[in-house]
N, C-alpha and C. Protein backbone atom coordinates (compact mmCIF):
# COMPACT_ATOMS: atom_id res chain seq x y z
N MET A 1 -0.95 -55.96 28.77
CA MET A 1 0.40 -54.97 28.93
C MET A 1 0.19 -53.78 28.10
N ASP A 2 -0.50 -53.75 26.99
CA ASP A 2 -0.52 -52.54 26.13
C ASP A 2 -1.56 -51.85 26.52
N ALA A 3 -2.45 -52.17 27.30
CA ALA A 3 -3.44 -51.17 27.95
C ALA A 3 -2.98 -50.16 28.76
N PRO A 4 -2.13 -50.53 29.68
CA PRO A 4 -1.54 -49.66 30.80
C PRO A 4 -0.65 -48.62 30.00
N ASN A 5 0.14 -48.98 28.88
CA ASN A 5 1.04 -48.22 28.09
C ASN A 5 0.11 -47.07 27.48
N SER A 6 -0.92 -47.53 26.70
CA SER A 6 -1.78 -46.60 26.01
C SER A 6 -2.60 -45.68 26.94
N SER A 7 -2.94 -46.07 28.01
CA SER A 7 -3.58 -45.11 29.02
C SER A 7 -2.58 -43.91 29.42
N LEU A 8 -1.33 -44.45 29.77
CA LEU A 8 -0.24 -43.39 30.16
C LEU A 8 0.24 -42.47 28.88
N HIS A 9 0.07 -43.04 27.72
CA HIS A 9 0.27 -42.24 26.63
C HIS A 9 -0.79 -41.23 26.36
N GLN A 10 -1.92 -41.58 26.50
CA GLN A 10 -3.32 -40.83 26.46
C GLN A 10 -3.09 -39.66 27.57
N GLU A 11 -2.66 -40.03 28.71
CA GLU A 11 -2.56 -39.05 29.79
C GLU A 11 -1.59 -37.90 29.56
N LYS A 12 -0.44 -38.39 28.84
CA LYS A 12 0.57 -37.44 28.40
C LYS A 12 0.08 -36.52 27.50
N GLU A 13 -0.65 -36.96 26.35
CA GLU A 13 -1.29 -36.24 25.41
C GLU A 13 -2.22 -35.19 26.03
N ARG A 14 -2.95 -35.61 27.00
CA ARG A 14 -3.84 -34.60 27.56
C ARG A 14 -3.21 -33.46 28.32
N ASP A 15 -2.12 -33.84 29.10
CA ASP A 15 -1.17 -32.79 29.67
C ASP A 15 -0.62 -31.98 28.80
N GLN A 16 -0.38 -32.35 27.60
CA GLN A 16 0.49 -31.56 26.71
C GLN A 16 -0.71 -30.53 25.82
N GLN A 17 -1.75 -31.11 25.38
CA GLN A 17 -2.74 -30.36 24.58
C GLN A 17 -3.12 -28.97 25.09
N PRO A 18 -3.48 -28.66 26.26
CA PRO A 18 -4.26 -27.38 26.57
C PRO A 18 -2.94 -26.21 26.55
N SER A 19 -1.64 -26.70 26.77
CA SER A 19 -0.48 -25.68 26.72
C SER A 19 0.15 -25.66 25.41
N GLU A 20 -0.65 -25.48 24.30
CA GLU A 20 -0.20 -25.11 22.99
C GLU A 20 0.36 -23.84 22.93
N LEU A 21 -0.25 -22.88 23.47
CA LEU A 21 0.37 -21.58 23.61
C LEU A 21 0.99 -21.29 24.93
N PRO A 22 2.20 -20.79 24.86
CA PRO A 22 2.82 -20.57 26.33
C PRO A 22 2.02 -19.47 26.92
N ILE A 23 2.01 -19.55 28.31
CA ILE A 23 1.36 -18.49 29.09
C ILE A 23 2.43 -17.63 29.55
N LEU A 24 2.22 -16.40 29.08
CA LEU A 24 3.21 -15.35 29.33
C LEU A 24 2.90 -14.58 30.50
N ASP A 25 3.95 -14.48 31.41
CA ASP A 25 3.78 -13.58 32.69
C ASP A 25 4.37 -12.13 32.35
N GLU A 26 3.96 -11.35 33.08
CA GLU A 26 4.75 -10.00 32.84
C GLU A 26 6.17 -9.95 32.78
N LYS A 27 6.81 -10.76 33.56
CA LYS A 27 8.26 -10.85 33.49
C LYS A 27 8.75 -11.50 32.11
N ASP A 28 8.06 -12.36 31.65
CA ASP A 28 8.31 -13.05 30.21
C ASP A 28 8.38 -12.03 29.28
N LYS A 29 7.15 -11.24 29.30
CA LYS A 29 6.93 -10.23 28.36
C LYS A 29 7.92 -9.12 28.11
N SER A 30 8.61 -8.78 29.42
CA SER A 30 9.74 -7.79 29.71
C SER A 30 10.89 -8.38 29.03
N GLN A 31 11.22 -9.84 29.47
CA GLN A 31 12.29 -10.31 29.07
C GLN A 31 12.29 -10.58 27.28
N GLU A 32 11.06 -10.86 26.78
CA GLU A 32 10.99 -11.11 25.41
C GLU A 32 11.27 -9.67 24.64
N ASN A 33 10.83 -8.54 25.21
CA ASN A 33 11.07 -7.40 24.62
C ASN A 33 12.27 -7.02 24.70
N SER A 34 13.18 -7.25 25.90
CA SER A 34 14.54 -6.86 26.01
C SER A 34 15.55 -7.64 25.04
N ASP A 35 14.89 -8.86 24.62
CA ASP A 35 15.85 -9.77 23.82
C ASP A 35 15.81 -9.01 22.51
N HIS A 36 14.80 -8.28 22.05
CA HIS A 36 14.75 -8.02 20.65
C HIS A 36 15.41 -6.55 20.48
N VAL A 37 16.71 -6.37 20.78
CA VAL A 37 17.51 -5.27 20.76
C VAL A 37 17.46 -4.68 19.35
N PRO A 38 17.83 -5.39 18.16
CA PRO A 38 17.90 -4.89 17.02
C PRO A 38 16.47 -4.74 16.41
N LEU A 39 16.26 -3.52 15.67
CA LEU A 39 14.87 -3.19 15.09
C LEU A 39 14.57 -4.36 14.32
N PRO A 40 13.36 -5.02 14.31
CA PRO A 40 12.97 -5.94 13.47
C PRO A 40 12.39 -5.59 12.18
N SER A 41 12.47 -6.13 11.17
CA SER A 41 12.08 -5.74 9.89
C SER A 41 10.38 -5.67 9.91
N THR A 42 9.84 -5.04 8.82
CA THR A 42 8.41 -4.79 8.85
C THR A 42 7.80 -6.28 8.78
N SER A 43 8.27 -7.30 8.09
CA SER A 43 7.43 -8.54 8.19
C SER A 43 7.70 -9.04 9.55
N GLN A 44 8.79 -9.03 10.13
CA GLN A 44 8.82 -9.57 11.53
C GLN A 44 7.91 -8.89 12.46
N GLN A 45 7.73 -7.46 12.34
CA GLN A 45 6.84 -6.75 12.91
C GLN A 45 5.70 -7.10 12.71
N GLU A 46 5.17 -7.26 11.57
CA GLU A 46 3.84 -7.85 11.17
C GLU A 46 3.62 -9.33 11.65
N ALA A 47 4.48 -10.07 11.76
CA ALA A 47 4.39 -11.45 12.21
C ALA A 47 4.19 -11.37 13.81
N GLU A 48 4.95 -10.53 14.33
CA GLU A 48 4.82 -10.45 16.02
C GLU A 48 3.45 -9.80 16.39
N THR A 49 2.99 -8.89 15.55
CA THR A 49 1.80 -8.28 15.64
C THR A 49 0.75 -9.35 15.62
N ARG A 50 0.73 -10.00 14.54
CA ARG A 50 -0.41 -11.11 14.16
C ARG A 50 -0.41 -12.07 15.46
N HIS A 51 0.87 -12.48 15.95
CA HIS A 51 0.81 -13.37 16.99
C HIS A 51 0.30 -13.01 18.18
N THR A 52 0.73 -11.69 18.63
CA THR A 52 0.29 -11.09 19.73
C THR A 52 -1.20 -10.80 19.84
N LEU A 53 -1.67 -10.41 18.69
CA LEU A 53 -3.25 -10.25 18.46
C LEU A 53 -4.05 -11.46 18.64
N ALA A 54 -3.44 -12.62 17.93
CA ALA A 54 -4.05 -13.96 18.02
C ALA A 54 -3.98 -14.74 19.17
N THR A 55 -2.84 -14.44 20.01
CA THR A 55 -2.77 -15.23 21.31
C THR A 55 -3.13 -14.45 22.61
N GLU A 56 -2.78 -13.22 22.64
CA GLU A 56 -3.17 -12.34 23.73
C GLU A 56 -4.60 -12.58 24.37
N PRO A 57 -5.66 -12.66 23.69
CA PRO A 57 -6.92 -12.89 24.17
C PRO A 57 -7.20 -14.29 24.75
N PHE A 58 -6.43 -15.11 24.32
CA PHE A 58 -6.51 -16.54 24.94
C PHE A 58 -5.65 -16.85 26.07
N GLN A 59 -4.66 -15.94 26.62
CA GLN A 59 -3.89 -16.05 27.79
C GLN A 59 -4.97 -16.39 29.01
N PRO A 60 -5.88 -15.62 29.40
CA PRO A 60 -6.63 -15.91 30.64
C PRO A 60 -7.16 -17.22 30.42
N ILE A 61 -7.71 -17.67 29.17
CA ILE A 61 -8.42 -18.95 29.11
C ILE A 61 -7.43 -20.09 29.15
N LEU A 62 -6.02 -19.96 28.83
CA LEU A 62 -5.14 -20.99 29.02
C LEU A 62 -4.82 -21.21 30.54
N LYS A 63 -4.78 -20.25 31.09
CA LYS A 63 -4.69 -20.43 32.63
C LYS A 63 -5.91 -21.18 33.34
N VAL A 64 -6.92 -20.78 32.74
CA VAL A 64 -8.22 -21.47 33.28
C VAL A 64 -8.21 -23.04 32.88
N LEU A 65 -7.86 -23.13 31.59
CA LEU A 65 -7.65 -24.65 31.09
C LEU A 65 -6.69 -25.57 31.97
N ALA A 66 -5.42 -24.63 32.08
CA ALA A 66 -4.50 -25.64 32.90
C ALA A 66 -5.06 -25.84 34.35
N ASP A 67 -5.87 -25.08 34.89
CA ASP A 67 -6.49 -25.39 36.38
C ASP A 67 -7.32 -26.49 36.17
N LEU A 68 -8.17 -26.32 35.11
CA LEU A 68 -9.47 -27.20 34.84
C LEU A 68 -8.90 -28.53 34.51
N GLU A 69 -7.79 -28.82 33.92
CA GLU A 69 -7.13 -30.05 33.47
C GLU A 69 -6.54 -30.78 34.64
N SER A 70 -6.09 -29.95 35.73
CA SER A 70 -5.44 -30.56 36.81
C SER A 70 -6.81 -31.10 37.75
N ASP A 71 -7.84 -30.39 37.76
CA ASP A 71 -8.80 -30.71 38.41
C ASP A 71 -9.71 -31.83 37.92
N ASP A 72 -9.99 -31.76 36.61
CA ASP A 72 -10.82 -32.70 35.87
C ASP A 72 -10.21 -32.99 34.41
N PRO A 73 -9.30 -33.76 34.46
CA PRO A 73 -8.59 -34.29 33.00
C PRO A 73 -9.71 -34.54 32.00
N LYS A 74 -10.85 -35.26 32.43
CA LYS A 74 -11.54 -35.71 31.28
C LYS A 74 -12.48 -34.45 30.67
N PHE A 75 -12.65 -33.66 31.38
CA PHE A 75 -13.21 -32.34 30.85
C PHE A 75 -12.33 -31.38 30.15
N GLY A 76 -11.24 -31.41 30.78
CA GLY A 76 -10.10 -30.55 30.47
C GLY A 76 -9.75 -30.58 28.74
N PHE A 77 -9.59 -31.88 28.45
CA PHE A 77 -9.31 -32.19 26.92
C PHE A 77 -9.99 -31.66 26.00
N PRO A 78 -11.48 -32.10 26.02
CA PRO A 78 -12.44 -31.32 25.15
C PRO A 78 -12.44 -29.91 25.12
N ALA A 79 -12.35 -29.40 26.38
CA ALA A 79 -12.34 -27.85 26.39
C ALA A 79 -11.12 -27.39 25.72
N ALA A 80 -9.97 -28.05 25.83
CA ALA A 80 -8.64 -27.58 25.30
C ALA A 80 -8.96 -27.54 23.71
N ARG A 81 -9.64 -28.74 23.33
CA ARG A 81 -9.97 -28.81 21.92
C ARG A 81 -10.75 -27.57 21.36
N LEU A 82 -11.68 -27.35 22.06
CA LEU A 82 -12.72 -26.36 21.65
C LEU A 82 -12.11 -24.92 21.69
N VAL A 83 -11.20 -24.73 22.55
CA VAL A 83 -10.54 -23.47 22.92
C VAL A 83 -9.51 -23.35 21.45
N GLY A 84 -8.96 -24.62 21.24
CA GLY A 84 -7.88 -24.42 19.92
C GLY A 84 -8.72 -24.30 18.74
N LEU A 85 -9.91 -24.74 18.54
CA LEU A 85 -10.52 -24.32 17.39
C LEU A 85 -10.91 -22.80 17.46
N TYR A 86 -11.37 -22.35 18.59
CA TYR A 86 -11.70 -20.95 18.42
C TYR A 86 -10.47 -20.12 18.24
N ARG A 87 -9.27 -20.60 18.82
CA ARG A 87 -8.06 -19.77 18.61
C ARG A 87 -7.82 -19.79 17.27
N ARG A 88 -7.82 -20.89 16.38
CA ARG A 88 -7.61 -20.82 14.88
C ARG A 88 -8.32 -20.18 14.38
N LEU A 89 -9.74 -20.03 14.63
CA LEU A 89 -10.70 -19.29 13.90
C LEU A 89 -10.43 -17.76 14.16
N TRP A 90 -10.05 -17.43 15.50
CA TRP A 90 -9.57 -16.16 15.75
C TRP A 90 -8.31 -15.54 15.16
N GLU A 91 -7.36 -16.60 15.06
CA GLU A 91 -6.22 -16.26 14.09
C GLU A 91 -6.52 -15.93 12.73
N SER A 92 -7.46 -16.68 12.23
CA SER A 92 -7.74 -16.51 10.75
C SER A 92 -8.53 -15.04 10.55
N CYS A 93 -9.24 -14.73 11.52
CA CYS A 93 -9.80 -13.49 11.56
C CYS A 93 -8.93 -12.33 11.88
N VAL A 94 -7.87 -12.25 12.75
CA VAL A 94 -6.97 -11.49 12.92
C VAL A 94 -6.09 -11.28 11.56
N SER A 95 -5.72 -12.33 11.06
CA SER A 95 -4.82 -12.38 9.92
C SER A 95 -5.60 -11.56 8.81
N LYS A 96 -6.96 -11.85 8.55
CA LYS A 96 -7.76 -11.37 7.41
C LYS A 96 -7.89 -9.81 7.69
N HIS A 97 -8.11 -9.28 8.92
CA HIS A 97 -8.19 -7.95 9.59
C HIS A 97 -7.03 -7.22 9.21
N ILE A 98 -5.82 -7.96 9.57
CA ILE A 98 -4.55 -7.07 9.25
C ILE A 98 -4.21 -7.00 7.84
N ASP A 99 -4.67 -8.02 7.07
CA ASP A 99 -4.32 -7.95 5.57
C ASP A 99 -5.23 -6.85 5.00
N GLY A 100 -6.41 -6.99 5.50
CA GLY A 100 -7.46 -5.86 4.95
C GLY A 100 -7.03 -4.52 5.31
N GLN A 101 -6.47 -4.14 6.52
CA GLN A 101 -5.90 -2.79 6.73
C GLN A 101 -4.76 -2.60 6.08
N LYS A 102 -3.91 -3.53 5.65
CA LYS A 102 -2.79 -3.42 4.99
C LYS A 102 -3.07 -3.11 3.42
N LEU A 103 -4.27 -3.78 2.99
CA LEU A 103 -4.74 -3.36 1.72
C LEU A 103 -5.27 -1.99 1.56
N GLU A 104 -5.86 -1.62 2.65
CA GLU A 104 -6.60 -0.28 2.75
C GLU A 104 -5.54 0.84 2.60
N GLN A 105 -4.33 0.59 3.46
CA GLN A 105 -3.17 1.64 3.57
C GLN A 105 -2.55 1.66 2.01
N GLU A 106 -2.46 0.40 1.37
CA GLU A 106 -1.65 0.57 0.10
C GLU A 106 -2.70 1.14 -0.80
N ASN A 107 -4.06 1.07 -0.73
CA ASN A 107 -5.00 1.50 -1.67
C ASN A 107 -5.01 2.99 -1.39
N LEU A 108 -4.86 3.50 -0.39
CA LEU A 108 -4.89 4.93 0.01
C LEU A 108 -3.52 5.75 -0.62
N VAL A 109 -2.38 4.98 -0.60
CA VAL A 109 -1.15 5.43 -1.05
C VAL A 109 -1.22 5.46 -2.54
N LEU A 110 -1.98 4.31 -3.13
CA LEU A 110 -2.17 4.45 -4.61
C LEU A 110 -3.22 5.58 -5.20
N LYS A 111 -3.99 5.81 -4.27
CA LYS A 111 -5.08 6.87 -4.70
C LYS A 111 -4.32 8.21 -4.65
N GLU A 112 -3.53 8.25 -3.54
CA GLU A 112 -2.74 9.67 -3.59
C GLU A 112 -1.75 9.70 -4.56
N ALA A 113 -1.14 8.62 -5.12
CA ALA A 113 -0.13 8.75 -6.04
C ALA A 113 -0.94 8.99 -7.39
N GLY A 114 -2.10 8.45 -7.51
CA GLY A 114 -3.03 8.64 -8.82
C GLY A 114 -3.43 10.14 -8.74
N THR A 115 -3.69 10.79 -7.63
CA THR A 115 -4.06 12.12 -7.78
C THR A 115 -2.95 12.98 -8.01
N HIS A 116 -1.89 12.74 -7.50
CA HIS A 116 -0.64 13.51 -7.75
C HIS A 116 -0.17 13.25 -9.36
N LEU A 117 -0.42 12.27 -9.84
CA LEU A 117 -0.21 12.01 -11.32
C LEU A 117 -1.13 12.78 -12.07
N ARG A 118 -2.48 12.74 -11.85
CA ARG A 118 -3.45 13.42 -12.73
C ARG A 118 -3.23 14.96 -12.52
N GLN A 119 -2.84 15.46 -11.28
CA GLN A 119 -2.46 16.87 -11.38
C GLN A 119 -1.30 17.09 -12.25
N LYS A 120 -0.48 16.46 -12.03
CA LYS A 120 0.94 16.52 -12.91
C LYS A 120 0.45 16.40 -14.54
N ARG A 121 -0.22 15.64 -14.64
CA ARG A 121 -0.77 15.41 -16.13
C ARG A 121 -1.53 16.72 -16.57
N ASP A 122 -2.49 17.08 -15.72
CA ASP A 122 -3.27 18.35 -16.04
C ASP A 122 -2.31 19.57 -16.15
N GLY A 123 -1.16 19.58 -15.27
CA GLY A 123 -0.42 20.67 -15.50
C GLY A 123 0.34 20.53 -16.56
N PHE A 124 0.99 19.42 -17.14
CA PHE A 124 1.59 19.20 -18.41
C PHE A 124 0.71 19.70 -19.62
N GLN A 125 -0.54 19.15 -19.61
CA GLN A 125 -1.56 19.45 -20.57
C GLN A 125 -1.78 20.95 -20.78
N LEU A 126 -1.96 21.65 -19.62
CA LEU A 126 -1.86 23.12 -19.64
C LEU A 126 -0.77 23.73 -20.20
N HIS A 127 0.46 23.27 -19.82
CA HIS A 127 1.68 23.90 -20.40
C HIS A 127 1.67 23.61 -21.99
N HIS A 128 1.22 22.45 -22.35
CA HIS A 128 1.22 22.11 -23.84
C HIS A 128 0.32 23.11 -24.53
N GLU A 129 -0.91 23.33 -23.87
CA GLU A 129 -1.90 24.19 -24.60
C GLU A 129 -1.35 25.63 -24.84
N LYS A 130 -0.69 25.93 -23.55
CA LYS A 130 -0.12 27.38 -23.80
C LYS A 130 0.95 27.49 -24.92
N GLN A 131 1.74 26.37 -24.90
CA GLN A 131 2.80 26.58 -26.08
C GLN A 131 2.21 26.50 -27.49
N LEU A 132 1.20 25.69 -27.58
CA LEU A 132 0.21 25.59 -28.76
C LEU A 132 -0.13 26.99 -29.21
N SER A 133 -0.62 27.63 -28.10
CA SER A 133 -1.42 28.91 -28.43
C SER A 133 -0.13 30.07 -28.91
N ARG A 134 0.93 29.97 -28.19
CA ARG A 134 1.99 30.84 -28.56
C ARG A 134 2.63 30.54 -30.04
N LEU A 135 2.70 29.18 -30.33
CA LEU A 135 3.08 28.65 -31.50
C LEU A 135 2.07 29.30 -32.62
N ARG A 136 0.78 29.24 -32.52
CA ARG A 136 -0.22 29.82 -33.39
C ARG A 136 0.03 31.29 -33.74
N PHE A 137 0.37 31.90 -32.37
CA PHE A 137 0.60 33.45 -32.57
C PHE A 137 1.90 33.89 -33.31
N PHE A 138 2.73 32.97 -33.00
CA PHE A 138 4.11 33.27 -33.86
C PHE A 138 4.08 32.83 -35.20
N GLU A 139 3.11 31.82 -35.54
CA GLU A 139 2.81 31.63 -37.04
C GLU A 139 2.06 32.72 -37.76
N GLN A 140 1.06 33.31 -36.99
CA GLN A 140 0.30 34.34 -37.51
C GLN A 140 1.20 35.59 -37.73
N ALA A 141 2.17 35.88 -36.88
CA ALA A 141 2.81 37.08 -36.77
C ALA A 141 4.01 36.80 -37.80
N LEU A 142 4.46 35.53 -38.19
CA LEU A 142 5.40 35.33 -39.20
C LEU A 142 4.74 35.49 -40.42
N ASP A 143 3.62 35.05 -40.60
CA ASP A 143 2.79 35.08 -41.97
C ASP A 143 2.49 36.69 -42.21
N LEU A 144 2.09 37.45 -41.18
CA LEU A 144 2.18 38.89 -41.35
C LEU A 144 3.31 39.62 -41.92
N SER A 145 4.57 39.12 -41.13
CA SER A 145 5.71 39.78 -41.64
C SER A 145 6.27 39.38 -43.05
N ARG A 146 5.98 38.05 -43.39
CA ARG A 146 6.12 37.67 -44.71
C ARG A 146 5.46 38.34 -45.74
N GLU A 147 4.22 38.67 -45.62
CA GLU A 147 3.24 39.43 -46.36
C GLU A 147 3.88 40.86 -46.63
N ARG A 148 4.34 41.49 -45.54
CA ARG A 148 4.79 42.88 -45.64
C ARG A 148 5.94 42.80 -46.21
N LEU A 149 6.90 41.86 -45.81
CA LEU A 149 8.12 41.88 -46.53
C LEU A 149 8.10 41.55 -48.08
N VAL A 150 7.18 40.75 -48.55
CA VAL A 150 6.89 40.42 -50.11
C VAL A 150 6.38 41.67 -50.66
N SER A 151 5.62 42.34 -49.90
CA SER A 151 5.07 43.70 -50.65
C SER A 151 6.13 44.66 -50.58
N VAL A 152 7.11 44.89 -49.52
CA VAL A 152 8.08 45.57 -49.82
C VAL A 152 9.06 45.32 -50.88
N LEU A 153 9.26 43.93 -51.05
CA LEU A 153 10.38 43.75 -52.09
C LEU A 153 9.74 43.77 -53.50
N ASP A 154 8.41 43.62 -53.47
CA ASP A 154 7.70 43.90 -54.84
C ASP A 154 7.72 45.31 -55.15
N GLU A 155 7.74 46.04 -54.29
CA GLU A 155 7.81 47.78 -54.41
C GLU A 155 9.38 47.97 -55.06
N CYS A 156 10.30 47.25 -54.14
CA CYS A 156 11.62 47.50 -54.61
C CYS A 156 11.97 47.03 -56.01
N ASN A 157 11.66 45.78 -56.39
CA ASN A 157 11.75 45.33 -57.75
C ASN A 157 11.06 46.00 -58.93
N HIS A 158 10.04 46.55 -58.66
CA HIS A 158 9.31 47.14 -59.62
C HIS A 158 8.99 48.65 -59.27
N PRO A 159 9.92 49.48 -59.03
CA PRO A 159 9.65 50.90 -58.89
C PRO A 159 9.38 51.67 -60.13
N LEU A 160 9.83 51.10 -61.26
CA LEU A 160 9.55 51.72 -62.63
C LEU A 160 8.22 51.70 -62.93
N ARG A 161 7.49 50.66 -62.72
CA ARG A 161 6.11 50.61 -63.07
C ARG A 161 5.25 51.98 -62.37
N HIS A 162 5.28 52.15 -61.17
CA HIS A 162 4.71 53.37 -60.61
C HIS A 162 5.31 54.60 -61.28
N ASN A 163 6.55 54.55 -61.59
CA ASN A 163 6.97 55.71 -62.27
C ASN A 163 6.58 56.00 -63.60
N LEU A 164 6.68 54.88 -64.31
CA LEU A 164 6.37 54.84 -65.88
C LEU A 164 5.00 55.29 -66.01
N ALA A 165 4.27 54.88 -64.99
CA ALA A 165 2.86 55.26 -65.30
C ALA A 165 2.56 56.75 -65.28
N GLY A 166 3.29 57.66 -64.66
CA GLY A 166 3.13 58.99 -64.48
C GLY A 166 3.94 59.63 -65.61
N LEU A 167 4.81 59.05 -66.37
CA LEU A 167 5.64 59.76 -67.22
C LEU A 167 5.07 59.87 -68.62
N PRO A 168 5.42 60.78 -69.36
CA PRO A 168 5.13 60.88 -70.76
C PRO A 168 5.64 59.59 -71.58
N ASP A 169 5.03 59.51 -72.62
CA ASP A 169 5.28 58.42 -73.46
C ASP A 169 6.61 58.49 -74.29
N ASN A 170 7.16 59.72 -74.19
CA ASN A 170 8.37 60.07 -74.92
C ASN A 170 9.43 59.44 -74.46
N VAL A 171 9.30 59.24 -73.25
CA VAL A 171 10.59 59.10 -72.34
C VAL A 171 10.87 57.60 -72.87
């Protein structure tokens, strides 16, 4: 009695295996797009893109598998398993490809930011060097002014020395 139940159970599994991915008609695609009225977030868009890229190439194969399973169930199940393995491999490749593109875009953004920061740093360095040269110029000008002021003050404090040198000793 267990043998008929197990064979019925195996047939049900075979019927369910090839239809792991839903077969989308044009009507279903338009309904699916109309259901998403609010704009999905970037992670939702990325997940939808991954799903679309991973499943879209297999839609015609799934139709053929469904026809094959109805014609020859013994051949349909192994073919469905093989297609499932290829689909998983394809999904992995698509995922890696999308991740690689995302990393390239992020890398490009970082390179641009680094270039901008280097330019900014160079501008600050140039500004700093200009300020240092101005500071040196002002220090030199201050030193010259100080020397002149000291010489003028010396002349003011000791005017008699110059006059005494020319005066007779009697005075």
